[in-house]
């Protein structure tokens, strides 16, 4: 089984699994998804709408270009993973991506920067 991402149809990505040989053949494939706290669901998805996922045990990286697979859902997933570790900035090569955590973060206020 291969770990993949599929769209949930609402603008988010959902991790699932599919048979790698099905994905390489193309056409419509069956993707197994196990949402948090819900039973396993199967979705029939066009193969071109299925994106490979990085291994779950992959380390959090500082630069998304270091990801083994750097497609749209993998990059977004990595940014979310970094935010859960209170890491609100991520590099993509020479570009800095900054996420607003919508809460006060020590060390990011102007007064803190001036004292440093």
C-alpha atoms as a PDB file:
ATOM      1  CA  UNK A   1       0.000   0.000   0.000  1.00  0.00           C
ATOM      2  CA  UNK A   2       1.158   3.502  -0.820  1.00  0.00           C
ATOM      3  CA  UNK A   3       0.442   6.538   1.378  1.00  0.00           C
ATOM      4  CA  UNK A   4      -1.279   9.293  -0.629  1.00  0.00           C
ATOM      5  CA  UNK A   5      -3.210  12.563  -0.340  1.00  0.00           C
ATOM      6  CA  UNK A   6      -6.645  13.196  -1.846  1.00  0.00           C
ATOM      7  CA  UNK A   7      -8.837  16.297  -1.739  1.00  0.00           C
ATOM      8  CA  UNK A   8     -11.777  16.188   0.661  1.00  0.00           C
ATOM      9  CA  UNK A   9     -13.781  18.341  -1.775  1.00  0.00           C
ATOM     10  CA  UNK A  10     -13.836  21.227   0.727  1.00  0.00           C
ATOM     11  CA  UNK A  11     -10.378  22.655   0.084  1.00  0.00           C
ATOM     12  CA  UNK A  12      -8.437  20.378   2.468  1.00  0.00           C
ATOM     13  CA  UNK A  13      -6.306  17.269   1.948  1.00  0.00           C
ATOM     14  CA  UNK A  14      -6.891  13.854   3.504  1.00  0.00           C
ATOM     15  CA  UNK A  15      -4.226  11.169   3.905  1.00  0.00           C
ATOM     16  CA  UNK A  16      -5.142   7.749   2.603  1.00  0.00           C
ATOM     17  CA  UNK A  17      -3.714   4.562   1.163  1.00  0.00           C
ATOM     18  CA  UNK A  18      -4.000   2.924  -2.221  1.00  0.00           C
ATOM     19  CA  UNK A  19      -2.403   0.105  -4.139  1.00  0.00           C
ATOM     20  CA  UNK A  20       0.679   1.524  -5.889  1.00  0.00           C
ATOM     21  CA  UNK A  21       0.038  -0.573  -8.986  1.00  0.00           C
ATOM     22  CA  UNK A  22      -3.495   0.906  -9.277  1.00  0.00           C
ATOM     23  CA  UNK A  23      -2.071   4.441  -9.170  1.00  0.00           C
ATOM     24  CA  UNK A  24       0.513   3.711 -11.858  1.00  0.00           C
ATOM     25  CA  UNK A  25      -2.166   2.312 -14.208  1.00  0.00           C
ATOM     26  CA  UNK A  26      -4.264   5.485 -14.021  1.00  0.00           C
ATOM     27  CA  UNK A  27      -8.022   5.762 -14.383  1.00  0.00           C
ATOM     28  CA  UNK A  28     -10.253   5.600 -11.319  1.00  0.00           C
ATOM     29  CA  UNK A  29      -8.697   4.039  -8.222  1.00  0.00           C
ATOM     30  CA  UNK A  30      -9.960   3.183  -4.745  1.00  0.00           C
ATOM     31  CA  UNK A  31      -8.355   5.112  -1.867  1.00  0.00           C
ATOM     32  CA  UNK A  32      -8.751   3.929   1.735  1.00  0.00           C
ATOM     33  CA  UNK A  33      -9.118   6.800   4.226  1.00  0.00           C
ATOM     34  CA  UNK A  34      -9.305   6.537   8.004  1.00  0.00           C
ATOM     35  CA  UNK A  35     -10.371   9.969   9.351  1.00  0.00           C
ATOM     36  CA  UNK A  36      -9.687  10.776  13.015  1.00  0.00           C
ATOM     37  CA  UNK A  37     -12.076   8.800  15.186  1.00  0.00           C
ATOM     38  CA  UNK A  38     -14.180   7.594  12.255  1.00  0.00           C
ATOM     39  CA  UNK A  39     -14.487   4.238  10.518  1.00  0.00           C
ATOM     40  CA  UNK A  40     -12.514   3.414   7.394  1.00  0.00           C
ATOM     41  CA  UNK A  41     -13.974   4.870   4.193  1.00  0.00           C
ATOM     42  CA  UNK A  42     -13.200   4.099   0.565  1.00  0.00           C
ATOM     43  CA  UNK A  43     -13.253   6.774  -2.141  1.00  0.00           C
ATOM     44  CA  UNK A  44     -13.087   6.207  -5.876  1.00  0.00           C
ATOM     45  CA  UNK A  45     -10.828   8.946  -7.200  1.00  0.00           C
ATOM     46  CA  UNK A  46      -9.297   9.758 -10.579  1.00  0.00           C
ATOM     47  CA  UNK A  47      -5.607   8.804 -10.431  1.00  0.00           C
ATOM     48  CA  UNK A  48      -4.483  12.291 -11.519  1.00  0.00           C
ATOM     49  CA  UNK A  49      -6.144  13.673  -8.338  1.00  0.00           C
ATOM     50  CA  UNK A  50      -4.083  11.408  -6.055  1.00  0.00           C
ATOM     51  CA  UNK A  51      -0.752  12.765  -4.773  1.00  0.00           C
ATOM     52  CA  UNK A  52       2.017  10.733  -3.121  1.00  0.00           C
ATOM     53  CA  UNK A  53       2.579  11.437   0.589  1.00  0.00           C
ATOM     54  CA  UNK A  54       5.771  11.503   2.633  1.00  0.00           C
ATOM     55  CA  UNK A  55       6.261   8.734   5.213  1.00  0.00           C
ATOM     56  CA  UNK A  56       4.533   9.435   8.538  1.00  0.00           C
ATOM     57  CA  UNK A  57       7.819   8.997  10.383  1.00  0.00           C
ATOM     58  CA  UNK A  58       9.568  11.692   8.292  1.00  0.00           C
ATOM     59  CA  UNK A  59      11.209  14.356  10.445  1.00  0.00           C
ATOM     60  CA  UNK A  60       9.964  17.930  10.617  1.00  0.00           C
ATOM     61  CA  UNK A  61      12.172  19.900   8.192  1.00  0.00           C
ATOM     62  CA  UNK A  62      13.142  23.571   8.240  1.00  0.00           C
ATOM     63  CA  UNK A  63      13.073  23.885   4.444  1.00  0.00           C
ATOM     64  CA  UNK A  64      10.224  22.222   2.537  1.00  0.00           C
ATOM     65  CA  UNK A  65      12.632  21.601  -0.352  1.00  0.00           C
ATOM     66  CA  UNK A  66      14.226  18.937   1.918  1.00  0.00           C
ATOM     67  CA  UNK A  67      11.018  16.872   1.832  1.00  0.00           C
ATOM     68  CA  UNK A  68      11.315  13.595  -0.102  1.00  0.00           C
ATOM     69  CA  UNK A  69       8.048  14.547  -1.872  1.00  0.00           C
ATOM     70  CA  UNK A  70       7.293  18.288  -2.173  1.00  0.00           C
ATOM     71  CA  UNK A  71       3.872  18.475  -3.811  1.00  0.00           C
ATOM     72  CA  UNK A  72       1.093  20.867  -2.724  1.00  0.00           C
ATOM     73  CA  UNK A  73      -0.483  18.689   0.016  1.00  0.00           C
ATOM     74  CA  UNK A  74       2.919  17.590   1.367  1.00  0.00           C
ATOM     75  CA  UNK A  75       4.125  21.185   1.722  1.00  0.00           C
ATOM     76  CA  UNK A  76       0.894  22.266   3.435  1.00  0.00           C
ATOM     77  CA  UNK A  77       1.049  19.252   5.755  1.00  0.00           C
ATOM     78  CA  UNK A  78       4.638  20.116   6.705  1.00  0.00           C
ATOM     79  CA  UNK A  79       3.702  23.735   7.498  1.00  0.00           C
ATOM     80  CA  UNK A  80       0.869  22.489   9.752  1.00  0.00           C
ATOM     81  CA  UNK A  81       3.239  20.008  11.444  1.00  0.00           C
ATOM     82  CA  UNK A  82       5.722  22.794  12.117  1.00  0.00           C
ATOM     83  CA  UNK A  83       2.970  24.978  13.607  1.00  0.00           C
ATOM     84  CA  UNK A  84       1.953  22.179  16.004  1.00  0.00           C
ATOM     85  CA  UNK A  85       5.563  22.331  17.260  1.00  0.00           C
ATOM     86  CA  UNK A  86       5.282  26.161  17.656  1.00  0.00           C
ATOM     87  CA  UNK A  87       7.515  26.713  14.614  1.00  0.00           C
ATOM     88  CA  UNK A  88       5.708  29.491  12.743  1.00  0.00           C
ATOM     89  CA  UNK A  89       8.258  30.108  10.005  1.00  0.00           C
ATOM     90  CA  UNK A  90       9.292  27.696   7.249  1.00  0.00           C
ATOM     91  CA  UNK A  91      11.721  28.091   4.378  1.00  0.00           C
ATOM     92  CA  UNK A  92      11.069  27.139   0.778  1.00  0.00           C
ATOM     93  CA  UNK A  93      14.496  27.667  -0.708  1.00  0.00           C
ATOM     94  CA  UNK A  94      15.201  31.432  -0.398  1.00  0.00           C
ATOM     95  CA  UNK A  95      11.540  32.236   0.439  1.00  0.00           C
ATOM     96  CA  UNK A  96      10.420  32.537   4.071  1.00  0.00           C
ATOM     97  CA  UNK A  97       6.862  31.357   4.804  1.00  0.00           C
ATOM     98  CA  UNK A  98       5.398  32.810   7.997  1.00  0.00           C
ATOM     99  CA  UNK A  99       2.137  31.631   9.563  1.00  0.00           C
ATOM    100  CA  UNK A 100       0.074  33.817  11.913  1.00  0.00           C
ATOM    101  CA  UNK A 101      -0.816  31.566  14.896  1.00  0.00           C
ATOM    102  CA  UNK A 102      -3.660  33.915  15.941  1.00  0.00           C
ATOM    103  CA  UNK A 103      -2.294  34.125  19.485  1.00  0.00           C
ATOM    104  CA  UNK A 104       0.499  35.832  21.371  1.00  0.00           C
ATOM    105  CA  UNK A 105       3.866  34.156  20.777  1.00  0.00           C
ATOM    106  CA  UNK A 106       6.757  34.978  23.147  1.00  0.00           C
ATOM    107  CA  UNK A 107       9.671  36.614  21.334  1.00  0.00           C
ATOM    108  CA  UNK A 108       7.641  37.864  18.368  1.00  0.00           C
ATOM    109  CA  UNK A 109       6.395  41.166  19.837  1.00  0.00           C
ATOM    110  CA  UNK A 110       8.115  44.425  18.908  1.00  0.00           C
ATOM    111  CA  UNK A 111       9.135  45.050  22.551  1.00  0.00           C
ATOM    112  CA  UNK A 112      10.804  41.633  22.733  1.00  0.00           C
ATOM    113  CA  UNK A 113      12.697  42.266  19.487  1.00  0.00           C
ATOM    114  CA  UNK A 114      13.971  45.631  20.713  1.00  0.00           C
ATOM    115  CA  UNK A 115      15.356  44.095  23.926  1.00  0.00           C
ATOM    116  CA  UNK A 116      17.200  41.344  22.059  1.00  0.00           C
END
